Amino acid sequence: MKIVELDAEGIDAHLNELAQLLLDGHASNMALGLAPPLTRERAADAYRVTAARLAPGERVLLGALDGDILVGAVHIARAEAENGRHRAEIQRLVVSPTSRGMGIGRALLEAAVERARELRLGLLWLTTHEETDADQFYERLGWTRLGVIPAYSTLPDGSLAGNAYYYLRLENIA
């Protein structure tokens, strides 16, 4: 397995796999920022939008490849606010169900942190649904939980979930 940075062409080449990651996430009741019902076309469109917004030093998409097959992805989005250029949000960390539990999520997150350091970012933040495996995953990797906003987002099953907010300060930067 290797982690690569995907450009717009790379996203297009792996568009079906990326869309499937989102569909699998929804099947596991992870919203990933998308309201139900999620179709393959809407899932693909989400990554088409990501591809159009990629910009060096601003927005980066990393993918985990098992051979030629994309099995996971994570997006880094630098803040646009003038006074927040030192921070970025980690978005849509997702791993194929058949590849979960193999360290791919951890490898993607660690690669995102390293890429953030290369971009001279000093603070990363993210949200995830509370009381889930993902919620516990970030704590195990040393991210600090700020708190939870209740009933923040609608899950694919239609229920409301609280979102837990996490941050990670990057050493020696900002």
Protein backbone atom coordinates (compact mmCIF):
# COMPACT_ATOMS: atom_id res chain seq x y z
CA MET A 1 0.00 0.00 0.00
CA LYS A 2 1.27 3.48 -0.83
CA ILE A 3 -0.06 6.97 -0.24
CA VAL A 4 -0.10 9.32 -3.25
CA GLU A 5 -1.27 12.87 -3.86
CA LEU A 6 -4.06 12.88 -6.42
CA ASP A 7 -4.40 15.71 -8.93
CA ALA A 8 -7.54 16.27 -11.02
CA GLU A 9 -6.39 13.65 -13.53
CA GLY A 10 -5.75 11.16 -10.73
CA ILE A 11 -9.20 11.80 -9.29
CA ASP A 12 -10.74 11.21 -12.70
CA ALA A 13 -8.78 7.96 -13.09
CA HIS A 14 -10.05 6.72 -9.69
CA LEU A 15 -13.48 8.36 -9.77
CA ASN A 16 -15.43 5.09 -9.55
CA GLU A 17 -13.35 3.93 -6.57
CA LEU A 18 -13.72 7.30 -4.84
CA ALA A 19 -17.48 7.27 -5.39
CA GLN A 20 -17.63 3.73 -4.01
CA LEU A 21 -15.76 4.85 -0.87
CA LEU A 22 -18.53 7.39 -0.21
CA LEU A 23 -21.27 4.86 -0.98
CA ASP A 24 -19.64 2.34 1.38
CA GLY A 25 -19.37 5.05 4.02
CA HIS A 26 -23.08 5.76 3.71
CA ALA A 27 -23.82 2.04 3.91
CA SER A 28 -21.92 2.10 7.24
CA ASN A 29 -24.04 5.10 8.36
CA MET A 30 -21.19 7.62 7.93
CA ALA A 31 -22.53 10.77 6.26
CA LEU A 32 -19.18 12.25 5.12
CA GLY A 33 -20.90 15.57 4.53
CA LEU A 34 -23.50 14.16 2.13
CA ALA A 35 -27.21 13.87 2.82
CA PRO A 36 -29.13 10.69 2.06
CA PRO A 37 -30.03 9.19 -0.26
CA LEU A 38 -26.62 9.05 -1.89
CA THR A 39 -26.43 7.87 -5.49
CA ARG A 40 -23.30 6.84 -7.35
CA GLU A 41 -23.59 9.98 -9.51
CA ARG A 42 -23.83 12.31 -6.47
CA ALA A 43 -20.88 10.53 -4.87
CA ALA A 44 -18.83 10.94 -8.06
CA ASP A 45 -19.91 14.59 -8.29
CA ALA A 46 -18.56 15.21 -4.77
CA TYR A 47 -15.10 14.21 -6.01
CA ARG A 48 -15.50 16.11 -9.26
CA VAL A 49 -16.05 19.22 -7.13
CA THR A 50 -12.98 18.31 -5.08
CA ALA A 51 -10.93 17.93 -8.27
CA ALA A 52 -12.04 21.35 -9.50
CA ARG A 53 -11.05 22.95 -6.19
CA LEU A 54 -7.60 21.37 -5.83
CA ALA A 55 -4.85 23.98 -5.67
CA PRO A 56 -1.19 23.58 -4.70
CA GLY A 57 -0.73 24.54 -1.08
CA GLU A 58 -4.47 25.11 -0.60
CA ARG A 59 -6.38 21.87 -1.14
CA VAL A 60 -4.82 18.43 -1.34
CA LEU A 61 -6.35 14.98 -1.82
CA LEU A 62 -4.32 11.98 -0.74
CA GLY A 63 -5.21 8.46 -1.81
CA ALA A 64 -4.17 5.05 -0.52
CA LEU A 65 -3.37 2.64 -3.33
CA ASP A 66 -3.25 -1.13 -2.98
CA GLY A 67 -1.55 -1.91 -6.26
CA ASP A 68 -3.58 0.11 -8.75
CA ILE A 69 -6.76 0.10 -6.63
CA LEU A 70 -7.66 3.13 -4.51
CA VAL A 71 -8.74 1.88 -1.07
CA GLY A 72 -8.84 5.13 0.92
CA ALA A 73 -8.66 8.90 0.71
CA VAL A 74 -8.37 12.06 2.79
CA HIS A 75 -8.70 15.73 1.88
CA ILE A 76 -6.76 18.67 3.37
CA ALA A 77 -8.46 22.07 2.97
CA ARG A 78 -6.49 25.15 4.05
CA ALA A 79 -8.55 27.91 5.67
CA GLU A 80 -9.42 30.76 3.32
CA ALA A 81 -9.71 33.41 6.05
CA GLU A 82 -6.74 35.79 6.01
CA ASN A 83 -6.13 35.32 9.72
CA GLY A 84 -6.45 31.54 9.51
CA ARG A 85 -3.97 30.63 6.80
CA HIS A 86 -1.97 28.63 9.35
CA ARG A 87 -4.74 26.05 9.74
CA ALA A 88 -6.54 23.45 7.63
CA GLU A 89 -9.46 21.08 7.95
CA ILE A 90 -9.09 17.35 7.44
CA GLN A 91 -12.10 16.20 5.43
CA ARG A 92 -13.55 12.87 4.31
CA LEU A 93 -11.06 10.42 5.70
CA VAL A 94 -12.54 7.22 4.32
CA VAL A 95 -11.30 3.64 3.84
CA SER A 96 -12.87 0.79 1.91
CA PRO A 97 -14.70 -1.65 4.20
CA THR A 98 -12.55 -4.54 2.92
CA SER A 99 -9.41 -2.59 3.89
CA ARG A 100 -10.44 -1.34 7.32
CA GLY A 101 -8.45 -2.49 10.31
CA MET A 102 -5.24 -2.73 8.26
CA GLY A 103 -3.74 0.63 9.28
CA ILE A 104 -4.75 2.46 6.11
CA GLY A 105 -6.76 5.14 7.90
CA ARG A 106 -3.84 5.77 10.22
CA ALA A 107 -1.40 5.90 7.28
CA LEU A 108 -3.63 8.37 5.44
CA LEU A 109 -3.99 10.59 8.49
CA GLU A 110 -0.26 10.49 9.21
CA ALA A 111 0.47 11.36 5.56
CA ALA A 112 -2.01 14.26 5.79
CA VAL A 113 -0.24 15.54 8.90
CA GLU A 114 3.14 15.29 7.17
CA ARG A 115 1.79 17.08 4.09
CA ALA A 116 0.38 19.79 6.37
CA ARG A 117 3.83 20.24 7.88
CA GLU A 118 5.29 20.60 4.37
CA LEU A 119 2.70 23.32 3.76
CA ARG A 120 3.89 25.06 6.97
CA LEU A 121 0.52 24.63 8.65
CA GLY A 122 0.42 24.85 12.42
CA LEU A 123 -3.07 23.59 13.23
CA LEU A 124 -5.33 20.89 11.84
CA TRP A 125 -8.94 20.33 12.81
CA LEU A 126 -11.73 17.93 11.87
CA THR A 127 -15.16 16.75 12.85
CA THR A 128 -16.63 13.28 13.09
CA HIS A 129 -19.82 11.75 14.44
CA GLU A 130 -19.62 11.24 18.18
CA GLU A 131 -19.57 7.81 19.79
CA THR A 132 -18.34 6.01 16.67
CA ASP A 133 -15.21 4.06 15.81
CA ALA A 134 -13.96 7.18 14.01
CA ASP A 135 -14.47 9.25 17.14
CA GLN A 136 -12.26 6.90 19.16
CA PHE A 137 -9.74 6.57 16.30
CA TYR A 138 -8.72 10.24 16.46
CA GLU A 139 -8.27 10.14 20.21
CA ARG A 140 -6.00 7.09 19.92
CA LEU A 141 -3.85 9.01 17.42
CA GLY A 142 -3.33 11.93 19.79
CA TRP A 143 -5.88 14.43 18.51
CA THR A 144 -7.51 16.61 21.18
CA ARG A 145 -11.28 16.54 21.46
CA LEU A 146 -12.81 19.99 21.93
CA GLY A 147 -16.38 18.95 22.46
CA VAL A 148 -19.59 17.97 20.71
CA ILE A 149 -22.35 19.91 19.02
CA PRO A 150 -25.50 17.80 19.49
CA ALA A 151 -27.86 16.94 16.63
CA TYR A 152 -25.39 18.52 14.20
CA SER A 153 -25.86 16.37 11.10
CA THR A 154 -28.23 13.88 9.56
CA LEU A 155 -26.89 10.36 9.21
CA PRO A 156 -27.72 8.17 6.21
CA ASP A 157 -30.29 6.31 8.33
CA GLY A 158 -32.10 9.64 8.92
CA SER A 159 -31.17 10.03 12.58
CA LEU A 160 -29.37 13.08 13.93
CA ALA A 161 -25.81 12.76 15.22
CA GLY A 162 -23.68 14.97 17.36
CA ASN A 163 -20.40 16.00 15.81
CA ALA A 164 -17.22 15.77 17.83
CA TYR A 165 -14.58 18.40 17.06
CA TYR A 166 -10.87 17.58 17.20
CA TYR A 167 -7.65 19.50 16.65
CA LEU A 168 -3.95 18.74 16.36
CA ARG A 169 -1.20 21.33 16.89
CA LEU A 170 1.80 20.71 14.68
CA GLU A 171 5.10 21.11 16.52
CA ASN A 172 7.59 23.82 15.64
CA ILE A 173 5.17 25.51 13.27
CA ALA A 174 2.97 28.57 13.87
